Amino acid sequence: LMHIQGTPQTMQKNPVYRDVVEEVGAFFA
């Protein structure tokens, strides 16, 4: 189970997080 923001076509256009560690953790949960 991997975290991604967007898709491979869009993911690096403008990734934004308030707190990347916590937001990835919330996604996992």
PDB file of all heavy atoms in Angstrom:
ATOM      1  N   LEU A   1       0.855  -1.182   0.000  1.00  0.00           N
ATOM      2  CA  LEU A   1       0.000   0.000   0.000  1.00  0.00           C
ATOM      3  C   LEU A   1       0.894   1.235   0.000  1.00  0.00           C
ATOM      4  O   LEU A   1       1.527   1.550   0.992  1.00  0.00           O
ATOM      5  CB  LEU A   1      -0.889  -0.017   1.252  1.00  0.00           C
ATOM      6  CG  LEU A   1      -1.743   1.201   1.553  1.00  0.00           C
ATOM      7  CD1 LEU A   1      -2.858   1.340   0.532  1.00  0.00           C
ATOM      8  CD2 LEU A   1      -2.320   1.121   2.956  1.00  0.00           C
ATOM      9  N   MET A   2       0.951   1.925  -1.141  1.00  0.00           N
ATOM     10  CA  MET A   2       1.813   3.091  -1.254  1.00  0.00           C
ATOM     11  C   MET A   2       1.011   4.374  -1.303  1.00  0.00           C
ATOM     12  O   MET A   2      -0.111   4.399  -1.810  1.00  0.00           O
ATOM     13  CB  MET A   2       2.691   2.994  -2.512  1.00  0.00           C
ATOM     14  CG  MET A   2       3.892   3.929  -2.474  1.00  0.00           C
ATOM     15  SD  MET A   2       4.734   4.071  -4.073  1.00  0.00           S
ATOM     16  CE  MET A   2       3.735   5.371  -4.819  1.00  0.00           C
ATOM     17  N   HIS A   3       1.600   5.444  -0.778  1.00  0.00           N
ATOM     18  CA  HIS A   3       0.969   6.762  -0.842  1.00  0.00           C
ATOM     19  C   HIS A   3       1.416   7.495  -2.102  1.00  0.00           C
ATOM     20  O   HIS A   3       2.587   7.469  -2.478  1.00  0.00           O
ATOM     21  CB  HIS A   3       1.346   7.612   0.374  1.00  0.00           C
ATOM     22  CG  HIS A   3       0.825   9.023   0.282  1.00  0.00           C
ATOM     23  ND1 HIS A   3       1.532  10.033  -0.356  1.00  0.00           N
ATOM     24  CD2 HIS A   3      -0.338   9.572   0.708  1.00  0.00           C
ATOM     25  CE1 HIS A   3       0.822  11.148  -0.302  1.00  0.00           C
ATOM     26  NE2 HIS A   3      -0.304  10.901   0.337  1.00  0.00           N
ATOM     27  N   ILE A   4       0.460   8.144  -2.748  1.00  0.00           N
ATOM     28  CA  ILE A   4       0.742   9.028  -3.881  1.00  0.00           C
ATOM     29  C   ILE A   4      -0.194  10.218  -3.782  1.00  0.00           C
ATOM     30  O   ILE A   4      -1.326  10.093  -3.300  1.00  0.00           O
ATOM     31  CB  ILE A   4       0.552   8.296  -5.227  1.00  0.00           C
ATOM     32  CG1 ILE A   4       0.995   9.159  -6.413  1.00  0.00           C
ATOM     33  CG2 ILE A   4      -0.889   7.856  -5.406  1.00  0.00           C
ATOM     34  CD1 ILE A   4       0.976   8.431  -7.758  1.00  0.00           C
ATOM     35  N   GLN A   5       0.280  11.383  -4.181  1.00  0.00           N
ATOM     36  CA  GLN A   5      -0.606  12.541  -4.328  1.00  0.00           C
ATOM     37  C   GLN A   5      -0.766  12.779  -5.828  1.00  0.00           C
ATOM     38  O   GLN A   5       0.190  13.106  -6.524  1.00  0.00           O
ATOM     39  CB  GLN A   5      -0.020  13.786  -3.659  1.00  0.00           C
ATOM     40  CG  GLN A   5      -0.973  14.970  -3.664  1.00  0.00           C
ATOM     41  CD  GLN A   5      -0.403  16.203  -2.991  1.00  0.00           C
ATOM     42  OE1 GLN A   5       0.127  17.092  -3.645  1.00  0.00           O
ATOM     43  NE2 GLN A   5      -0.492  16.259  -1.667  1.00  0.00           N
ATOM     44  N   GLY A   6      -1.984  12.585  -6.350  1.00  0.00           N
ATOM     45  CA  GLY A   6      -2.228  12.732  -7.768  1.00  0.00           C
ATOM     46  C   GLY A   6      -2.005  11.423  -8.509  1.00  0.00           C
ATOM     47  O   GLY A   6      -2.212  10.330  -7.971  1.00  0.00           O
ATOM     48  N   THR A   7      -1.567  11.525  -9.755  1.00  0.00           N
ATOM     49  CA  THR A   7      -1.268  10.374 -10.604  1.00  0.00           C
ATOM     50  C   THR A   7       0.136  10.565 -11.168  1.00  0.00           C
ATOM     51  O   THR A   7       0.711  11.657 -11.056  1.00  0.00           O
ATOM     52  CB  THR A   7      -2.271  10.282 -11.779  1.00  0.00           C
ATOM     53  OG1 THR A   7      -2.036  11.392 -12.671  1.00  0.00           O
ATOM     54  CG2 THR A   7      -3.710  10.310 -11.288  1.00  0.00           C
ATOM     55  N   PRO A   8       0.716   9.527 -11.787  1.00  0.00           N
ATOM     56  CA  PRO A   8       2.046   9.720 -12.374  1.00  0.00           C
ATOM     57  C   PRO A   8       2.110  10.885 -13.366  1.00  0.00           C
ATOM     58  O   PRO A   8       3.157  11.521 -13.524  1.00  0.00           O
ATOM     59  CB  PRO A   8       2.302   8.383 -13.078  1.00  0.00           C
ATOM     60  CG  PRO A   8       1.544   7.393 -12.267  1.00  0.00           C
ATOM     61  CD  PRO A   8       0.298   8.116 -11.865  1.00  0.00           C
ATOM     62  N   GLN A   9       0.997  11.165 -14.036  1.00  0.00           N
ATOM     63  CA  GLN A   9       0.983  12.246 -15.013  1.00  0.00           C
ATOM     64  C   GLN A   9       0.946  13.631 -14.360  1.00  0.00           C
ATOM     65  O   GLN A   9       1.369  14.616 -14.967  1.00  0.00           O
ATOM     66  CB  GLN A   9      -0.223  12.088 -15.946  1.00  0.00           C
ATOM     67  CG  GLN A   9      -0.120  10.917 -16.928  1.00  0.00           C
ATOM     68  CD  GLN A   9      -0.301   9.556 -16.267  1.00  0.00           C
ATOM     69  OE1 GLN A   9      -1.054   9.426 -15.306  1.00  0.00           O
ATOM     70  NE2 GLN A   9       0.366   8.541 -16.790  1.00  0.00           N
ATOM     71  N   THR A  10       0.429  13.720 -13.114  1.00  0.00           N
ATOM     72  CA  THR A  10       0.229  15.036 -12.483  1.00  0.00           C
ATOM     73  C   THR A  10       0.981  15.234 -11.179  1.00  0.00           C
ATOM     74  O   THR A  10       1.084  16.357 -10.692  1.00  0.00           O
ATOM     75  CB  THR A  10      -1.266  15.243 -12.173  1.00  0.00           C
ATOM     76  OG1 THR A  10      -1.695  14.275 -11.174  1.00  0.00           O
ATOM     77  CG2 THR A  10      -2.129  15.069 -13.421  1.00  0.00           C
ATOM     78  N   MET A  11       1.535  14.174 -10.614  1.00  0.00           N
ATOM     79  CA  MET A  11       1.973  14.194  -9.212  1.00  0.00           C
ATOM     80  C   MET A  11       3.052  15.221  -8.890  1.00  0.00           C
ATOM     81  O   MET A  11       3.137  15.697  -7.759  1.00  0.00           O
ATOM     82  CB  MET A  11       2.432  12.793  -8.784  1.00  0.00           C
ATOM     83  CG  MET A  11       3.638  12.281  -9.539  1.00  0.00           C
ATOM     84  SD  MET A  11       3.955  10.537  -9.138  1.00  0.00           S
ATOM     85  CE  MET A  11       5.450  10.250 -10.110  1.00  0.00           C
ATOM     86  N   GLN A  12       3.895  15.575  -9.845  1.00  0.00           N
ATOM     87  CA  GLN A  12       4.987  16.492  -9.539  1.00  0.00           C
ATOM     88  C   GLN A  12       4.726  17.923 -10.012  1.00  0.00           C
ATOM     89  O   GLN A  12       5.629  18.763  -9.960  1.00  0.00           O
ATOM     90  CB  GLN A  12       6.288  15.974 -10.156  1.00  0.00           C
ATOM     91  CG  GLN A  12       6.816  14.691  -9.507  1.00  0.00           C
ATOM     92  CD  GLN A  12       6.977  14.798  -8.006  1.00  0.00           C
ATOM     93  OE1 GLN A  12       6.222  14.204  -7.238  1.00  0.00           O
ATOM     94  NE2 GLN A  12       7.952  15.586  -7.555  1.00  0.00           N
ATOM     95  N   LYS A  13       3.500  18.233 -10.422  1.00  0.00           N
ATOM     96  CA  LYS A  13       3.219  19.579 -10.918  1.00  0.00           C
ATOM     97  C   LYS A  13       3.242  20.618  -9.812  1.00  0.00           C
ATOM     98  O   LYS A  13       3.789  21.705  -9.978  1.00  0.00           O
ATOM     99  CB  LYS A  13       1.889  19.581 -11.672  1.00  0.00           C
ATOM    100  CG  LYS A  13       1.971  18.846 -13.009  1.00  0.00           C
ATOM    101  CD  LYS A  13       0.716  18.983 -13.834  1.00  0.00           C
ATOM    102  CE  LYS A  13       0.909  18.310 -15.194  1.00  0.00           C
ATOM    103  NZ  LYS A  13      -0.317  18.391 -16.032  1.00  0.00           N
ATOM    104  N   ASN A  14       2.638  20.299  -8.673  1.00  0.00           N
ATOM    105  CA  ASN A  14       2.682  21.241  -7.547  1.00  0.00           C
ATOM    106  C   ASN A  14       2.241  20.547  -6.263  1.00  0.00           C
ATOM    107  O   ASN A  14       1.198  20.860  -5.698  1.00  0.00           O
ATOM    108  CB  ASN A  14       1.776  22.454  -7.821  1.00  0.00           C
ATOM    109  CG  ASN A  14       1.893  23.499  -6.728  1.00  0.00           C
ATOM    110  OD1 ASN A  14       2.956  23.684  -6.132  1.00  0.00           O
ATOM    111  ND2 ASN A  14       0.795  24.190  -6.442  1.00  0.00           N
ATOM    112  N   PRO A  15       3.026  19.574  -5.773  1.00  0.00           N
ATOM    113  CA  PRO A  15       2.616  18.866  -4.556  1.00  0.00           C
ATOM    114  C   PRO A  15       2.673  19.778  -3.327  1.00  0.00           C
ATOM    115  O   PRO A  15       3.678  20.463  -3.102  1.00  0.00           O
ATOM    116  CB  PRO A  15       3.639  17.730  -4.454  1.00  0.00           C
ATOM    117  CG  PRO A  15       4.827  18.197  -5.230  1.00  0.00           C
ATOM    118  CD  PRO A  15       4.305  19.081  -6.314  1.00  0.00           C
ATOM    119  N   VAL A  16       1.580  19.808  -2.579  1.00  0.00           N
ATOM    120  CA  VAL A  16       1.474  20.679  -1.404  1.00  0.00           C
ATOM    121  C   VAL A  16       0.976  19.854  -0.220  1.00  0.00           C
ATOM    122  O   VAL A  16       0.038  19.057  -0.349  1.00  0.00           O
ATOM    123  CB  VAL A  16       0.496  21.852  -1.668  1.00  0.00           C
ATOM    124  CG1 VAL A  16       0.312  22.683  -0.402  1.00  0.00           C
ATOM    125  CG2 VAL A  16       1.011  22.727  -2.808  1.00  0.00           C
ATOM    126  N   TYR A  17       1.601  20.052   0.941  1.00  0.00           N
ATOM    127  CA  TYR A  17       1.178  19.409   2.184  1.00  0.00           C
ATOM    128  C   TYR A  17       1.259  20.430   3.310  1.00  0.00           C
ATOM    129  O   TYR A  17       2.141  21.303   3.310  1.00  0.00           O
ATOM    130  CB  TYR A  17       2.091  18.229   2.547  1.00  0.00           C
ATOM    131  CG  TYR A  17       2.104  17.101   1.550  1.00  0.00           C
ATOM    132  CD1 TYR A  17       2.980  17.125   0.456  1.00  0.00           C
ATOM    133  CD2 TYR A  17       1.257  16.008   1.692  1.00  0.00           C
ATOM    134  CE1 TYR A  17       3.002  16.091  -0.463  1.00  0.00           C
ATOM    135  CE2 TYR A  17       1.281  14.965   0.782  1.00  0.00           C
ATOM    136  CZ  TYR A  17       2.155  15.013  -0.300  1.00  0.00           C
ATOM    137  OH  TYR A  17       2.173  13.985  -1.215  1.00  0.00           O
ATOM    138  N   ARG A  18       0.394  20.287   4.267  1.00  0.00           N
ATOM    139  CA  ARG A  18       0.534  21.045   5.511  1.00  0.00           C
ATOM    140  C   ARG A  18       1.608  20.402   6.369  1.00  0.00           C
ATOM    141  O   ARG A  18       2.473  21.075   6.918  1.00  0.00           O
ATOM    142  CB  ARG A  18      -0.811  21.080   6.252  1.00  0.00           C
ATOM    143  CG  ARG A  18      -0.772  21.742   7.628  1.00  0.00           C
ATOM    144  CD  ARG A  18      -2.118  21.599   8.337  1.00  0.00           C
ATOM    145  NE  ARG A  18      -2.603  20.221   8.303  1.00  0.00           N
ATOM    146  CZ  ARG A  18      -2.160  19.254   9.113  1.00  0.00           C
ATOM    147  NH1 ARG A  18      -1.229  19.497  10.024  1.00  0.00           N
ATOM    148  NH2 ARG A  18      -2.651  18.032   9.026  1.00  0.00           N
ATOM    149  N   ASP A  19       1.548  19.063   6.478  1.00  0.00           N
ATOM    150  CA  ASP A  19       2.533  18.268   7.215  1.00  0.00           C
ATOM    151  C   ASP A  19       2.599  16.923   6.509  1.00  0.00           C
ATOM    152  O   ASP A  19       1.728  16.072   6.695  1.00  0.00           O
ATOM    153  CB  ASP A  19       2.098  18.097   8.672  1.00  0.00           C
ATOM    154  CG  ASP A  19       3.109  17.323   9.523  1.00  0.00           C
ATOM    155  OD1 ASP A  19       3.778  16.416   8.979  1.00  0.00           O
ATOM    156  OD2 ASP A  19       3.222  17.617  10.725  1.00  0.00           O
ATOM    157  N   VAL A  20       3.616  16.721   5.683  1.00  0.00           N
ATOM    158  CA  VAL A  20       3.656  15.534   4.831  1.00  0.00           C
ATOM    159  C   VAL A  20       3.702  14.246   5.640  1.00  0.00           C
ATOM    160  O   VAL A  20       3.051  13.257   5.276  1.00  0.00           O
ATOM    161  CB  VAL A  20       4.834  15.615   3.825  1.00  0.00           C
ATOM    162  CG1 VAL A  20       6.174  15.562   4.540  1.00  0.00           C
ATOM    163  CG2 VAL A  20       4.728  14.530   2.765  1.00  0.00           C
ATOM    164  N   VAL A  21       4.418  14.238   6.754  1.00  0.00           N
ATOM    165  CA  VAL A  21       4.523  13.011   7.558  1.00  0.00           C
ATOM    166  C   VAL A  21       3.163  12.627   8.118  1.00  0.00           C
ATOM    167  O   VAL A  21       2.732  11.464   8.024  1.00  0.00           O
ATOM    168  CB  VAL A  21       5.554  13.187   8.691  1.00  0.00           C
ATOM    169  CG1 VAL A  21       5.565  11.952   9.607  1.00  0.00           C
ATOM    170  CG2 VAL A  21       6.951  13.413   8.113  1.00  0.00           C
ATOM    171  N   GLU A  22       2.447  13.600   8.659  1.00  0.00           N
ATOM    172  CA  GLU A  22       1.147  13.314   9.248  1.00  0.00           C
ATOM    173  C   GLU A  22       0.089  13.013   8.188  1.00  0.00           C
ATOM    174  O   GLU A  22      -0.775  12.159   8.389  1.00  0.00           O
ATOM    175  CB  GLU A  22       0.698  14.479  10.130  1.00  0.00           C
ATOM    176  CG  GLU A  22       1.472  14.581  11.429  1.00  0.00           C
ATOM    177  CD  GLU A  22       1.478  13.274  12.210  1.00  0.00           C
ATOM    178  OE1 GLU A  22       0.388  12.676  12.380  1.00  0.00           O
ATOM    179  OE2 GLU A  22       2.564  12.838  12.636  1.00  0.00           O
ATOM    180  N   GLU A  23       0.156  13.682   7.053  1.00  0.00           N
ATOM    181  CA  GLU A  23      -0.847  13.443   6.014  1.00  0.00           C
ATOM    182  C   GLU A  23      -0.674  12.072   5.365  1.00  0.00           C
ATOM    183  O   GLU A  23      -1.654  11.398   5.049  1.00  0.00           O
ATOM    184  CB  GLU A  23      -0.800  14.556   4.967  1.00  0.00           C
ATOM    185  CG  GLU A  23      -1.361  15.873   5.505  1.00  0.00           C
ATOM    186  CD  GLU A  23      -1.270  17.018   4.525  1.00  0.00           C
ATOM    187  OE1 GLU A  23      -1.769  16.867   3.383  1.00  0.00           O
ATOM    188  OE2 GLU A  23      -0.706  18.066   4.882  1.00  0.00           O
ATOM    189  N   VAL A  24       0.568  11.637   5.179  1.00  0.00           N
ATOM    190  CA  VAL A  24       0.792  10.274   4.691  1.00  0.00           C
ATOM    191  C   VAL A  24       0.306   9.273   5.737  1.00  0.00           C
ATOM    192  O   VAL A  24      -0.313   8.249   5.398  1.00  0.00           O
ATOM    193  CB  VAL A  24       2.270  10.055   4.340  1.00  0.00           C
ATOM    194  CG1 VAL A  24       2.550   8.582   4.048  1.00  0.00           C
ATOM    195  CG2 VAL A  24       2.667  10.905   3.134  1.00  0.00           C
ATOM    196  N   GLY A  25       0.556   9.564   7.011  1.00  0.00           N
ATOM    197  CA  GLY A  25       0.074   8.688   8.082  1.00  0.00           C
ATOM    198  C   GLY A  25      -1.442   8.594   8.109  1.00  0.00           C
ATOM    199  O   GLY A  25      -2.011   7.513   8.307  1.00  0.00           O
ATOM    200  N   ALA A  26      -2.120   9.723   7.894  1.00  0.00           N
ATOM    201  CA  ALA A  26      -3.589   9.723   7.867  1.00  0.00           C
ATOM    202  C   ALA A  26      -4.104   8.909   6.675  1.00  0.00           C
ATOM    203  O   ALA A  26      -5.112   8.193   6.789  1.00  0.00           O
ATOM    204  CB  ALA A  26      -4.107  11.159   7.797  1.00  0.00           C
ATOM    205  N   PHE A  27      -3.421   9.026   5.541  1.00  0.00           N
ATOM    206  CA  PHE A  27      -3.779   8.226   4.367  1.00  0.00           C
ATOM    207  C   PHE A  27      -3.657   6.735   4.691  1.00  0.00           C
ATOM    208  O   PHE A  27      -4.568   5.948   4.398  1.00  0.00           O
ATOM    209  CB  PHE A  27      -2.850   8.597   3.206  1.00  0.00           C
ATOM    210  CG  PHE A  27      -2.995   7.732   1.986  1.00  0.00           C
ATOM    211  CD1 PHE A  27      -3.948   8.015   1.021  1.00  0.00           C
ATOM    212  CD2 PHE A  27      -2.165   6.640   1.786  1.00  0.00           C
ATOM    213  CE1 PHE A  27      -4.077   7.226  -0.115  1.00  0.00           C
ATOM    214  CE2 PHE A  27      -2.280   5.847   0.654  1.00  0.00           C
ATOM    215  CZ  PHE A  27      -3.238   6.134  -0.296  1.00  0.00           C
ATOM    216  N   PHE A  28      -2.539   6.342   5.301  1.00  0.00           N
ATOM    217  CA  PHE A  28      -2.366   4.941   5.677  1.00  0.00           C
ATOM    218  C   PHE A  28      -3.489   4.486   6.602  1.00  0.00           C
ATOM    219  O   PHE A  28      -4.068   3.412   6.414  1.00  0.00           O
ATOM    220  CB  PHE A  28      -1.022   4.740   6.378  1.00  0.00           C
ATOM    221  CG  PHE A  28       0.167   4.687   5.462  1.00  0.00           C
ATOM    222  CD1 PHE A  28       1.426   5.062   5.921  1.00  0.00           C
ATOM    223  CD2 PHE A  28       0.062   4.258   4.152  1.00  0.00           C
ATOM    224  CE1 PHE A  28       2.542   5.010   5.096  1.00  0.00           C
ATOM    225  CE2 PHE A  28       1.165   4.204   3.311  1.00  0.00           C
ATOM    226  CZ  PHE A  28       2.414   4.583   3.782  1.00  0.00           C
ATOM    227  N   ALA A  29      -3.795   5.276   7.614  1.00  0.00           N
ATOM    228  CA  ALA A  29      -4.812   4.884   8.594  1.00  0.00           C
ATOM    229  C   ALA A  29      -6.161   4.643   7.919  1.00  0.00           C
ATOM    230  O   ALA A  29      -6.848   3.650   8.209  1.00  0.00           O
ATOM    231  CB  ALA A  29      -4.944   5.962   9.674  1.00  0.00           C
TER     232      ALA A  29
END
